[in-house]
N, C-alpha and C. Protein backbone atom coordinates (compact mmCIF):
# COMPACT_ATOMS: atom_id res chain seq x y z
N MET A 1 71.01 125.69 99.40
CA MET A 1 69.80 125.92 101.30
C MET A 1 71.03 127.06 101.43
N LYS A 2 70.78 127.41 102.07
CA LYS A 2 71.96 128.08 103.82
C LYS A 2 71.92 127.57 104.51
N GLN A 3 72.85 127.15 105.09
CA GLN A 3 73.08 126.38 106.29
C GLN A 3 72.59 127.24 108.39
N LEU A 4 71.71 126.90 109.09
CA LEU A 4 71.93 127.54 110.47
C LEU A 4 73.58 127.62 110.68
N PHE A 5 73.75 128.00 111.40
CA PHE A 5 75.04 127.83 112.82
C PHE A 5 75.13 128.37 113.69
N ALA A 6 76.28 128.02 114.91
CA ALA A 6 76.86 128.93 115.51
C ALA A 6 78.06 129.21 116.24
N ILE A 7 78.40 130.46 116.32
CA ILE A 7 79.60 130.51 116.73
C ILE A 7 79.99 130.81 118.12
N GLN A 8 80.69 129.93 118.23
CA GLN A 8 81.59 130.33 120.00
C GLN A 8 82.72 130.60 119.56
N PRO A 9 83.33 132.28 120.85
CA PRO A 9 84.73 132.45 121.07
C PRO A 9 85.54 130.65 121.89
N VAL A 10 86.85 130.27 121.50
CA VAL A 10 87.81 129.76 122.05
C VAL A 10 88.93 130.33 122.47
N VAL A 11 89.58 129.68 123.46
CA VAL A 11 90.99 130.10 123.35
C VAL A 11 91.61 128.98 123.52
N LEU A 12 93.34 129.24 122.70
CA LEU A 12 94.00 127.94 121.97
C LEU A 12 94.96 128.32 123.40
N ALA A 13 95.87 127.30 123.92
CA ALA A 13 96.96 127.64 124.48
C ALA A 13 98.01 127.35 123.45
N ALA A 14 99.07 127.99 123.34
CA ALA A 14 100.26 128.13 122.47
C ALA A 14 101.20 127.97 122.80
N ASP A 15 102.57 127.91 122.71
CA ASP A 15 103.91 128.32 123.10
C ASP A 15 104.22 129.42 123.94
N GLY A 16 103.08 129.11 125.26
CA GLY A 16 103.15 130.35 126.90
C GLY A 16 101.70 131.26 126.60
N VAL A 17 101.15 131.31 124.88
CA VAL A 17 100.46 132.51 125.53
C VAL A 17 98.93 131.72 125.33
N ARG A 18 97.94 133.00 124.67
CA ARG A 18 96.44 132.08 125.09
C ARG A 18 95.89 132.63 123.82
N LEU A 19 95.89 132.26 122.63
CA LEU A 19 95.10 132.67 121.08
C LEU A 19 93.62 132.73 120.83
N LEU A 20 92.64 133.87 120.48
CA LEU A 20 91.41 134.66 120.45
C LEU A 20 90.93 133.46 119.26
N GLY A 21 90.29 133.32 119.76
CA GLY A 21 89.53 132.92 118.55
C GLY A 21 87.25 132.70 118.41
N ASP A 22 87.23 131.80 116.68
CA ASP A 22 85.82 132.41 116.89
C ASP A 22 85.84 131.16 116.35
N LEU A 23 85.01 129.50 116.34
CA LEU A 23 84.70 128.47 116.03
C LEU A 23 82.76 128.76 115.81
N GLY A 24 83.03 128.80 114.56
CA GLY A 24 81.78 128.47 113.69
C GLY A 24 81.42 126.98 112.77
N LEU A 25 79.56 126.77 113.48
CA LEU A 25 79.43 125.80 113.80
C LEU A 25 78.23 125.17 113.28
N PRO A 26 78.20 124.97 111.55
CA PRO A 26 77.19 124.51 111.17
C PRO A 26 76.51 122.87 111.60
N GLU A 27 75.17 123.05 110.93
CA GLU A 27 74.17 122.13 111.88
C GLU A 27 75.08 120.25 111.46
N GLN A 28 75.98 120.09 110.35
CA GLN A 28 76.30 119.44 109.81
C GLN A 28 77.49 119.68 109.32
N PRO A 29 78.65 119.81 109.38
CA PRO A 29 79.36 120.06 108.50
C PRO A 29 80.58 119.21 107.71
N ALA A 30 80.94 120.39 106.52
CA ALA A 30 81.41 119.18 105.26
C ALA A 30 82.81 118.68 106.00
N GLY A 31 83.22 119.84 106.67
CA GLY A 31 84.61 119.61 106.61
C GLY A 31 85.00 120.98 107.82
N VAL A 32 86.43 121.40 108.27
CA VAL A 32 86.69 122.64 108.91
C VAL A 32 87.92 123.01 108.46
N VAL A 33 87.33 124.64 108.29
CA VAL A 33 88.71 125.69 107.53
C VAL A 33 89.09 126.65 108.30
N LEU A 34 90.19 126.36 108.98
CA LEU A 34 91.20 127.00 109.93
C LEU A 34 91.27 128.89 108.79
N PHE A 35 91.21 129.63 109.44
CA PHE A 35 91.50 130.66 108.67
C PHE A 35 93.38 130.64 108.74
N ALA A 36 94.22 131.63 107.81
CA ALA A 36 95.70 132.26 108.43
C ALA A 36 95.81 133.18 107.86
N HIS A 37 95.66 134.81 109.27
CA HIS A 37 95.24 136.44 108.73
C HIS A 37 96.66 136.13 107.57
N GLY A 38 96.59 137.57 107.36
CA GLY A 38 98.03 138.50 106.85
C GLY A 38 98.22 139.48 107.73
N SER A 39 99.10 140.16 107.43
CA SER A 39 100.23 140.63 108.28
C SER A 39 99.46 142.12 109.09
N GLY A 40 99.50 142.34 110.42
CA GLY A 40 98.55 143.37 110.47
C GLY A 40 96.80 142.63 110.67
N SER A 41 96.35 141.67 110.93
CA SER A 41 95.24 141.33 110.84
C SER A 41 94.53 140.08 111.52
N GLY A 42 93.94 140.24 111.85
CA GLY A 42 93.37 138.78 112.45
C GLY A 42 92.25 137.97 112.46
N ARG A 43 91.42 137.26 113.57
CA ARG A 43 90.03 137.61 113.55
C ARG A 43 89.74 137.82 113.23
N LEU A 44 88.95 139.54 113.51
CA LEU A 44 88.13 140.55 113.12
C LEU A 44 88.68 141.05 111.34
N SER A 45 89.53 140.30 111.16
CA SER A 45 89.27 140.64 109.55
C SER A 45 87.61 140.57 108.98
N PRO A 46 87.58 141.55 108.57
CA PRO A 46 85.86 141.40 107.89
C PRO A 46 85.70 141.33 106.62
N ARG A 47 87.12 141.32 105.94
CA ARG A 47 87.05 140.58 104.47
C ARG A 47 87.40 138.65 105.10
N ASN A 48 87.67 137.97 105.73
CA ASN A 48 88.25 137.12 106.69
C ASN A 48 86.41 136.82 106.44
N ARG A 49 86.10 137.39 107.80
CA ARG A 49 84.84 137.09 107.65
C ARG A 49 83.10 136.89 106.87
N PHE A 50 84.06 137.61 106.25
CA PHE A 50 82.74 137.35 105.08
C PHE A 50 83.10 136.02 104.64
N VAL A 51 84.14 135.77 104.18
CA VAL A 51 84.13 134.55 103.44
C VAL A 51 84.33 133.78 105.10
N ALA A 52 84.60 133.91 105.60
CA ALA A 52 83.71 132.83 107.23
C ALA A 52 82.11 132.24 106.66
N ARG A 53 81.78 133.64 106.73
CA ARG A 53 80.42 133.93 106.76
C ARG A 53 79.76 132.83 105.40
N THR A 54 80.75 132.95 104.26
CA THR A 54 79.64 132.24 103.53
C THR A 54 80.26 130.16 103.76
N LEU A 55 81.10 130.38 103.99
CA LEU A 55 81.86 128.87 104.03
C LEU A 55 80.45 128.59 104.82
N LEU A 56 80.45 129.34 106.11
CA LEU A 56 79.30 127.88 107.22
C LEU A 56 77.83 127.85 106.40
N GLU A 57 77.21 129.08 105.57
CA GLU A 57 76.68 129.24 104.84
C GLU A 57 76.50 128.09 104.33
N GLY A 58 77.21 127.52 103.68
CA GLY A 58 77.96 126.16 102.55
C GLY A 58 78.24 124.95 103.12
N GLY A 59 77.80 124.19 104.81
CA GLY A 59 78.34 123.62 105.14
C GLY A 59 79.54 123.76 105.67
N LEU A 60 80.12 124.37 105.85
CA LEU A 60 81.58 124.39 106.26
C LEU A 60 81.99 125.14 107.64
N ALA A 61 83.03 124.44 108.62
CA ALA A 61 83.00 124.83 109.60
C ALA A 61 84.15 125.79 109.64
N THR A 62 84.13 126.13 110.19
CA THR A 62 85.24 127.95 110.03
C THR A 62 86.33 127.37 111.60
N LEU A 63 87.54 128.51 111.35
CA LEU A 63 87.88 128.46 113.00
C LEU A 63 89.47 130.02 112.81
N LEU A 64 88.29 131.02 113.34
CA LEU A 64 88.98 132.91 113.08
C LEU A 64 89.79 132.08 113.82
N LEU A 65 91.40 132.91 114.24
CA LEU A 65 91.98 133.41 115.36
C LEU A 65 93.20 133.67 114.85
N ASP A 66 93.30 134.40 115.78
CA ASP A 66 94.37 135.11 116.48
C ASP A 66 95.76 134.37 116.41
N LEU A 67 96.83 133.67 115.32
CA LEU A 67 97.57 133.51 115.19
C LEU A 67 98.56 134.22 115.61
N LEU A 68 98.58 135.31 116.91
CA LEU A 68 99.28 136.17 117.54
C LEU A 68 98.49 137.17 118.81
N GLU A 69 99.64 137.32 120.16
CA GLU A 69 98.82 138.24 121.53
C GLU A 69 99.03 139.28 120.54
N GLU A 70 98.11 140.11 120.74
CA GLU A 70 98.14 141.44 120.98
C GLU A 70 98.80 142.02 121.01
N ARG A 71 99.89 142.11 122.23
CA ARG A 71 101.41 142.44 122.02
C ARG A 71 102.77 142.26 121.44
N GLU A 72 102.28 140.31 120.92
CA GLU A 72 102.90 139.69 119.45
C GLU A 72 102.71 140.60 118.32
N ALA A 73 101.64 140.79 118.03
CA ALA A 73 102.06 141.35 116.82
C ALA A 73 102.25 142.92 117.05
N GLU A 74 102.00 143.82 117.74
CA GLU A 74 102.95 144.77 117.51
C GLU A 74 104.31 144.67 117.61
N ASP A 75 104.87 143.40 117.16
CA ASP A 75 106.50 143.08 117.31
C ASP A 75 106.04 142.96 115.27
N ARG A 76 106.53 143.59 114.70
CA ARG A 76 107.23 143.22 112.88
C ARG A 76 107.69 142.47 112.46
N ARG A 77 108.55 141.71 113.87
CA ARG A 77 109.99 140.25 113.43
C ARG A 77 109.07 139.38 113.20
N LYS A 78 107.91 139.19 114.52
CA LYS A 78 106.91 138.37 114.52
C LYS A 78 105.16 137.91 114.01
N VAL A 79 105.18 139.32 113.11
CA VAL A 79 104.32 139.41 111.99
C VAL A 79 104.68 138.49 110.68
N PHE A 80 105.86 138.77 110.55
CA PHE A 80 106.51 138.51 109.45
C PHE A 80 107.24 137.34 109.61
N ASP A 81 107.31 136.47 111.23
CA ASP A 81 108.08 134.95 110.96
C ASP A 81 107.02 134.22 110.54
N ILE A 82 107.23 133.39 109.25
CA ILE A 82 106.61 132.34 108.80
C ILE A 82 106.53 131.11 109.46
N ASP A 83 107.79 130.87 109.36
CA ASP A 83 108.03 129.98 111.27
C ASP A 83 106.82 129.90 111.90
N LEU A 84 107.51 130.93 112.83
CA LEU A 84 105.92 131.26 113.76
C LEU A 84 104.87 130.94 113.48
N LEU A 85 104.66 131.49 112.89
CA LEU A 85 103.59 131.17 111.98
C LEU A 85 102.73 130.28 111.55
N ALA A 86 103.61 129.50 110.91
CA ALA A 86 103.28 128.23 110.48
C ALA A 86 103.13 127.23 111.12
N ASP A 87 104.37 127.28 112.99
CA ASP A 87 104.01 126.00 114.29
C ASP A 87 102.68 126.95 115.34
N ARG A 88 102.33 128.14 115.04
CA ARG A 88 100.81 127.74 115.02
C ARG A 88 99.52 127.75 114.54
N LEU A 89 100.09 127.37 113.71
CA LEU A 89 99.14 126.33 112.44
C LEU A 89 98.68 125.60 113.29
N LEU A 90 99.73 124.17 113.43
CA LEU A 90 99.71 123.07 113.29
C LEU A 90 99.49 122.71 114.69
N THR A 91 99.76 123.87 115.46
CA THR A 91 99.15 123.56 117.21
C THR A 91 97.79 124.16 116.88
N ALA A 92 96.84 124.57 115.86
CA ALA A 92 95.64 125.08 115.65
C ALA A 92 95.03 123.51 115.35
N THR A 93 95.92 122.94 114.44
CA THR A 93 95.34 121.91 113.82
C THR A 93 95.19 121.05 114.69
N ASP A 94 95.51 120.45 115.10
CA ASP A 94 96.19 119.93 115.78
C ASP A 94 95.12 120.04 117.25
N TRP A 95 94.85 121.77 117.73
CA TRP A 95 93.31 121.31 118.26
C TRP A 95 92.10 121.09 117.77
N LEU A 96 91.75 121.20 116.69
CA LEU A 96 90.50 121.16 116.37
C LEU A 96 90.95 119.90 115.22
N LEU A 97 91.37 118.41 115.79
CA LEU A 97 91.48 117.20 115.06
C LEU A 97 91.60 116.25 116.56
N ARG A 98 91.01 117.68 117.42
CA ARG A 98 90.77 116.67 119.00
C ARG A 98 89.41 117.38 119.81
N HIS A 99 89.46 118.45 119.35
CA HIS A 99 88.21 119.01 119.87
C HIS A 99 86.99 118.38 119.55
N PRO A 100 86.06 118.22 120.30
CA PRO A 100 84.58 117.21 119.76
C PRO A 100 83.83 117.60 119.08
N SER A 101 83.72 119.21 118.61
CA SER A 101 83.14 119.23 117.29
C SER A 101 83.38 119.61 116.40
N THR A 102 84.93 118.85 116.00
CA THR A 102 85.43 119.16 115.16
C THR A 102 86.42 117.75 114.34
N LYS A 103 86.08 117.23 115.24
CA LYS A 103 87.49 116.18 115.75
C LYS A 103 87.61 114.67 115.08
N GLY A 104 86.00 114.36 114.18
CA GLY A 104 85.86 114.02 112.98
C GLY A 104 86.24 114.54 111.84
N LEU A 105 86.63 115.97 111.89
CA LEU A 105 86.53 116.65 110.15
C LEU A 105 87.38 116.86 109.56
N THR A 106 87.51 116.70 107.84
CA THR A 106 89.00 117.40 107.75
C THR A 106 89.10 118.36 107.83
N VAL A 107 90.18 118.61 107.55
CA VAL A 107 91.19 119.73 107.42
C VAL A 107 91.76 120.88 106.77
N GLY A 108 91.03 122.19 106.41
CA GLY A 108 91.49 122.44 104.93
C GLY A 108 92.27 124.60 105.71
N TYR A 109 92.53 125.16 105.30
CA TYR A 109 93.06 126.30 105.35
C TYR A 109 93.34 127.03 104.95
N PHE A 110 92.13 128.53 104.29
CA PHE A 110 92.11 129.60 103.57
C PHE A 110 93.65 131.05 104.35
N GLY A 111 94.89 130.97 103.30
CA GLY A 111 95.39 131.66 104.09
C GLY A 111 95.14 132.79 102.77
N ALA A 112 95.57 134.38 104.19
CA ALA A 112 95.62 135.67 102.94
C ALA A 112 96.52 136.66 103.54
N SER A 113 96.98 136.59 102.03
CA SER A 113 98.84 137.28 101.89
C SER A 113 100.06 136.39 102.77
N THR A 114 100.22 137.38 103.80
CA THR A 114 101.48 136.61 104.27
C THR A 114 101.03 135.39 104.68
N GLY A 115 99.34 134.98 105.78
CA GLY A 115 98.95 134.22 106.42
C GLY A 115 99.03 132.96 105.52
N ALA A 116 98.92 132.92 103.57
CA ALA A 116 98.84 131.90 103.05
C ALA A 116 100.66 131.19 102.97
N GLY A 117 101.58 132.39 103.63
CA GLY A 117 102.91 131.54 103.05
C GLY A 117 102.65 130.71 104.55
N ALA A 118 102.49 131.26 105.70
CA ALA A 118 102.25 130.51 106.27
C ALA A 118 101.92 129.42 106.47
N ALA A 119 100.40 128.59 106.11
CA ALA A 119 99.13 128.22 105.23
C ALA A 119 100.27 127.42 104.87
N LEU A 120 101.08 127.38 103.80
CA LEU A 120 101.93 126.45 102.71
C LEU A 120 103.23 126.04 103.47
N GLN A 121 103.00 126.15 104.35
CA GLN A 121 104.02 126.07 104.87
C GLN A 121 103.71 124.22 106.04
N ALA A 122 102.78 125.28 106.98
CA ALA A 122 102.21 124.53 107.94
C ALA A 122 101.73 123.19 106.65
N ALA A 123 101.19 123.65 106.11
CA ALA A 123 100.76 121.72 105.26
C ALA A 123 101.68 121.22 104.61
N ALA A 124 102.39 121.81 103.84
CA ALA A 124 103.97 120.97 103.83
C ALA A 124 104.32 119.40 104.48
N ARG A 125 104.57 120.44 106.19
CA ARG A 125 105.07 120.06 107.53
C ARG A 125 104.18 118.91 107.82
N SER A 126 103.06 119.68 107.32
CA SER A 126 102.09 118.15 108.25
C SER A 126 100.62 117.91 107.54
N PRO A 127 102.01 116.77 105.93
CA PRO A 127 100.04 116.36 105.06
C PRO A 127 99.38 115.64 105.36
N ALA A 128 99.69 114.70 106.07
CA ALA A 128 98.85 114.08 107.39
C ALA A 128 97.30 114.33 107.34
N SER A 129 97.51 116.01 107.48
CA SER A 129 96.64 116.98 108.65
C SER A 129 95.74 117.85 108.17
N VAL A 130 95.72 118.34 106.76
CA VAL A 130 95.87 118.79 106.18
C VAL A 130 94.91 118.62 103.98
N ALA A 131 93.90 119.40 104.02
CA ALA A 131 93.03 118.27 102.64
C ALA A 131 92.96 119.30 101.98
N ALA A 132 93.25 120.67 101.81
CA ALA A 132 93.03 121.25 100.80
C ALA A 132 93.84 123.42 101.21
N VAL A 133 94.08 123.76 100.20
CA VAL A 133 94.54 125.03 101.21
C VAL A 133 94.02 125.82 99.78
N VAL A 134 93.67 126.78 100.63
CA VAL A 134 93.14 128.44 99.43
C VAL A 134 93.77 129.43 99.51
N SER A 135 94.18 130.09 99.24
CA SER A 135 95.16 131.65 99.48
C SER A 135 94.81 132.78 98.85
N ARG A 136 94.32 133.73 98.98
CA ARG A 136 94.29 134.82 98.44
C ARG A 136 94.63 135.93 98.39
N GLY A 137 95.16 136.55 97.82
CA GLY A 137 95.63 137.28 96.99
C GLY A 137 97.42 136.99 98.15
N GLY A 138 97.56 136.19 98.64
CA GLY A 138 99.19 135.40 98.90
C GLY A 138 99.69 135.36 98.78
N ARG A 139 100.69 135.30 100.00
CA ARG A 139 102.14 135.57 99.42
C ARG A 139 103.35 134.10 100.15
N PRO A 140 102.80 133.40 98.82
CA PRO A 140 103.28 132.15 98.63
C PRO A 140 105.36 131.85 98.47
N ASP A 141 105.50 132.95 97.98
CA ASP A 141 107.22 132.98 98.06
C ASP A 141 107.18 132.83 99.25
N LEU A 142 106.93 133.04 99.93
CA LEU A 142 106.86 132.99 101.74
C LEU A 142 107.95 132.20 102.23
N ALA A 143 106.86 130.77 100.90
CA ALA A 143 106.66 129.16 101.34
C ALA A 143 107.41 128.46 100.62
N ALA A 144 108.40 129.47 99.85
CA ALA A 144 109.06 128.80 98.16
C ALA A 144 109.97 127.53 98.75
N PRO A 145 110.95 127.34 99.85
CA PRO A 145 111.42 125.72 99.94
C PRO A 145 110.52 125.28 100.46
N TYR A 146 109.40 124.82 100.02
CA TYR A 146 108.46 124.28 100.82
C TYR A 146 107.33 123.56 100.48
N LEU A 147 107.19 124.38 98.70
CA LEU A 147 106.15 123.42 98.11
C LEU A 147 106.31 123.05 97.60
N PRO A 148 107.35 122.82 97.02
CA PRO A 148 107.27 121.52 96.11
C PRO A 148 106.54 120.38 97.14
N GLN A 149 106.69 120.31 98.70
CA GLN A 149 106.09 119.40 99.51
C GLN A 149 104.75 119.01 99.85
N VAL A 150 104.21 120.54 98.95
CA VAL A 150 102.92 120.48 99.61
C VAL A 150 101.97 119.34 98.38
N ILE A 151 100.91 118.58 99.29
CA ILE A 151 100.13 118.10 99.20
C ILE A 151 98.90 117.32 98.61
N ALA A 152 98.23 119.14 99.20
CA ALA A 152 97.16 119.71 99.70
C ALA A 152 96.83 120.26 98.24
N PRO A 153 95.45 119.65 97.59
CA PRO A 153 95.29 120.44 96.38
C PRO A 153 94.92 122.35 96.79
N THR A 154 95.40 122.53 95.73
CA THR A 154 95.97 124.51 96.71
C THR A 154 95.20 125.30 95.25
N LEU A 155 94.41 125.70 96.24
CA LEU A 155 93.91 126.65 95.05
C LEU A 155 95.25 128.66 95.26
N LEU A 156 95.06 129.01 94.09
CA LEU A 156 95.54 130.35 93.99
C LEU A 156 95.05 131.12 93.63
N ILE A 157 94.70 132.62 94.54
CA ILE A 157 93.52 133.50 93.82
C ILE A 157 93.86 134.91 94.17
N VAL A 158 94.59 135.70 93.09
CA VAL A 158 94.83 136.98 92.58
C VAL A 158 93.84 138.07 91.95
N GLY A 159 93.81 138.84 92.77
CA GLY A 159 93.42 140.17 91.78
C GLY A 159 94.00 140.28 90.48
N GLY A 160 92.78 140.41 89.44
CA GLY A 160 93.66 141.39 88.26
C GLY A 160 94.44 142.27 88.51
N HIS A 161 94.68 143.58 89.43
CA HIS A 161 94.89 144.82 89.45
C HIS A 161 96.21 144.34 89.95
N ASP A 162 96.42 143.17 90.96
CA ASP A 162 97.75 143.55 92.18
C ASP A 162 99.05 142.67 91.32
N GLU A 163 99.55 143.97 89.98
CA GLU A 163 100.36 142.63 88.95
C GLU A 163 101.35 141.71 89.86
N PRO A 164 102.16 142.82 91.27
CA PRO A 164 103.27 141.71 91.50
C PRO A 164 103.04 140.81 92.35
N VAL A 165 102.02 140.20 92.92
CA VAL A 165 101.28 139.33 93.55
C VAL A 165 100.88 138.29 92.56
N ILE A 166 100.52 138.46 91.66
CA ILE A 166 100.68 137.33 90.17
C ILE A 166 101.45 136.80 89.72
N GLU A 167 102.70 137.87 89.75
CA GLU A 167 103.77 136.87 89.04
C GLU A 167 104.66 135.83 90.38
N MET A 168 104.18 136.49 91.60
CA MET A 168 104.51 135.49 92.71
C MET A 168 104.00 134.20 92.22
N ASN A 169 102.61 134.01 92.40
CA ASN A 169 101.50 133.29 92.19
C ASN A 169 101.71 132.49 91.36
N GLN A 170 102.46 132.81 89.90
CA GLN A 170 102.77 132.01 88.90
C GLN A 170 103.73 131.34 88.71
N GLU A 171 104.83 131.80 89.22
CA GLU A 171 106.16 131.12 89.91
C GLU A 171 105.82 130.47 91.33
N ALA A 172 104.75 130.12 91.64
CA ALA A 172 104.61 129.09 93.07
C ALA A 172 103.56 128.32 92.53
N LEU A 173 102.97 128.54 92.22
CA LEU A 173 102.42 127.28 90.78
C LEU A 173 103.42 126.74 90.70
N ALA A 174 104.18 127.41 89.72
CA ALA A 174 105.23 126.31 89.04
C ALA A 174 105.85 125.32 89.78
N LEU A 175 106.24 125.49 91.12
CA LEU A 175 106.33 124.80 92.15
C LEU A 175 106.26 123.47 92.81
N LEU A 176 104.84 124.22 92.69
CA LEU A 176 103.45 122.77 93.09
C LEU A 176 103.85 121.90 92.61
N ALA A 177 103.51 120.23 93.28
CA ALA A 177 103.03 119.36 92.72
C ALA A 177 101.89 118.69 92.98
N CYS A 178 101.88 119.31 94.32
CA CYS A 178 100.13 118.61 93.73
C CYS A 178 98.98 119.01 93.12
N PRO A 179 97.99 118.70 93.25
CA PRO A 179 96.78 119.36 92.81
C PRO A 179 96.24 120.79 92.40
N LYS A 180 96.36 121.76 91.37
CA LYS A 180 96.20 123.10 91.86
C LYS A 180 96.27 124.08 90.52
N GLU A 181 96.06 125.18 91.14
CA GLU A 181 94.89 126.30 90.14
C GLU A 181 95.54 127.44 90.69
N LEU A 182 95.21 128.21 89.13
CA LEU A 182 95.79 129.48 89.39
C LEU A 182 94.40 130.19 88.93
N VAL A 183 93.64 131.39 90.11
CA VAL A 183 92.37 132.81 89.64
C VAL A 183 92.89 133.83 89.42
N ILE A 184 92.65 134.50 88.94
CA ILE A 184 93.09 135.58 89.07
C ILE A 184 91.60 136.29 88.41
N VAL A 185 90.81 137.49 89.74
CA VAL A 185 89.76 137.36 89.44
C VAL A 185 89.84 138.98 88.81
N PRO A 186 89.32 139.30 87.44
CA PRO A 186 89.63 140.67 86.46
C PRO A 186 88.83 141.60 87.73
N GLY A 187 89.78 143.08 87.56
CA GLY A 187 89.24 143.85 88.24
C GLY A 187 89.86 144.05 89.87
N ALA A 188 90.04 142.72 89.76
CA ALA A 188 90.48 143.10 91.68
C ALA A 188 91.40 143.72 92.14
N THR A 189 91.88 144.39 93.03
CA THR A 189 93.19 144.98 93.85
C THR A 189 93.43 143.89 94.56
N HIS A 190 94.45 144.34 95.28
CA HIS A 190 95.30 143.15 97.08
C HIS A 190 93.95 142.51 97.48
N LEU A 191 93.42 143.98 97.89
CA LEU A 191 92.51 143.08 98.99
C LEU A 191 90.73 142.99 98.75
N PHE A 192 91.38 143.06 96.99
CA PHE A 192 89.33 142.82 97.11
C PHE A 192 88.06 143.56 97.66
N GLU A 193 88.54 144.38 97.48
CA GLU A 193 87.64 145.61 97.51
C GLU A 193 86.00 145.95 96.48
N GLU A 194 86.73 145.78 95.59
CA GLU A 194 85.66 146.18 94.42
C GLU A 194 85.03 145.47 94.58
N PRO A 195 83.27 146.30 94.40
CA PRO A 195 81.77 145.26 94.31
C PRO A 195 82.46 143.66 93.19
N GLY A 196 81.96 143.54 93.78
CA GLY A 196 81.49 141.90 93.90
C GLY A 196 82.42 140.55 93.70
N THR A 197 83.83 141.87 94.22
CA THR A 197 85.56 140.90 93.62
C THR A 197 85.20 139.62 95.37
N LEU A 198 85.11 140.12 96.50
CA LEU A 198 85.26 139.29 97.33
C LEU A 198 84.52 138.30 96.84
N GLU A 199 82.77 138.20 97.02
CA GLU A 199 81.87 137.32 96.96
C GLU A 199 82.11 136.68 95.90
N GLN A 200 83.52 136.50 94.57
CA GLN A 200 84.20 135.49 93.59
C GLN A 200 85.06 134.93 94.99
N VAL A 201 85.43 135.66 95.45
CA VAL A 201 87.04 134.97 96.33
C VAL A 201 86.86 133.81 97.02
N ALA A 202 84.89 134.03 98.10
CA ALA A 202 83.81 133.72 98.52
C ALA A 202 83.55 132.34 97.61
N ALA A 203 83.16 132.41 96.42
CA ALA A 203 82.09 131.11 96.00
C ALA A 203 83.53 130.12 95.42
N LEU A 204 85.00 130.98 95.24
CA LEU A 204 85.47 130.07 94.95
C LEU A 204 85.92 129.07 95.78
N ALA A 205 86.79 129.52 97.10
CA ALA A 205 86.70 128.88 97.79
C ALA A 205 85.80 127.95 98.40
N GLY A 206 84.84 128.18 98.74
CA GLY A 206 83.45 127.05 98.93
C GLY A 206 83.42 125.19 97.72
N ARG A 207 83.77 126.03 97.00
CA ARG A 207 83.77 125.07 95.84
C ARG A 207 84.47 123.92 96.24
N TRP A 208 86.15 124.41 95.95
CA TRP A 208 87.16 124.28 95.97
C TRP A 208 87.09 123.67 97.34
N PHE A 209 87.11 123.93 98.54
CA PHE A 209 86.65 123.21 99.93
C PHE A 209 85.51 122.01 100.11
N LEU A 210 84.31 122.25 99.56
CA LEU A 210 83.87 121.62 99.22
C LEU A 210 84.38 120.59 98.83
N LYS A 211 84.35 120.77 97.65
CA LYS A 211 85.03 119.20 96.59
C LYS A 211 86.08 118.72 97.64
N TYR A 212 87.09 119.12 98.78
CA TYR A 212 88.14 118.47 99.36
C TYR A 212 88.07 118.13 100.39
N LEU A 213 87.28 118.67 100.96
CA LEU A 213 87.27 118.59 102.53
C LEU A 213 86.31 117.55 103.07
N LYS A 214 85.00 117.04 102.13
CA LYS A 214 83.81 115.89 102.01
C LYS A 214 85.11 114.68 102.94
N PRO A 215 84.11 114.13 103.23
CA PRO A 215 85.23 112.74 103.42
C PRO A 215 84.46 112.27 102.74
């Protein structure tokens, strides 16, 4: 049964910048999922918004957040600055843990592409704050030194036609010491644009988060 939900715009202060976000709240959330977008993407990413809506309908709160201000997003060095992105994720996590609508909820990360590297680094740096991680077409190799420290159960999802990223995720899987799984979606390329593939990602993510975020 699909849950009713509301979406409200929010603004987070971090490092002297203002980060814009959309906080989605179902009636009785089982947890909250913070999205870490890939390079050149943000809270308006149609793929992540699709996944977020599926999670909301399944009873999970969501926070779609621009991890960079608009002017920062034009700086390619910052777009690929995994340390900076992880810092921003941890700031947003602290915000969620204090916000009246989400402060009692467990937090999960959904990371796409480079955002997955930032999500895994942040999860390793703050293990008490993050209860689960899902990576879609992710670059966990960007967080390689941190992977053995991740304790949050981690699901890696990769497209079957995304050969270089499959190999990166296989190597990352070997470094992870937490509960973990690698799922390869047949027929999918890096952006999961093929019919039905993004629906599979959303369903896999929903099951993973509901398993590990419920109190």
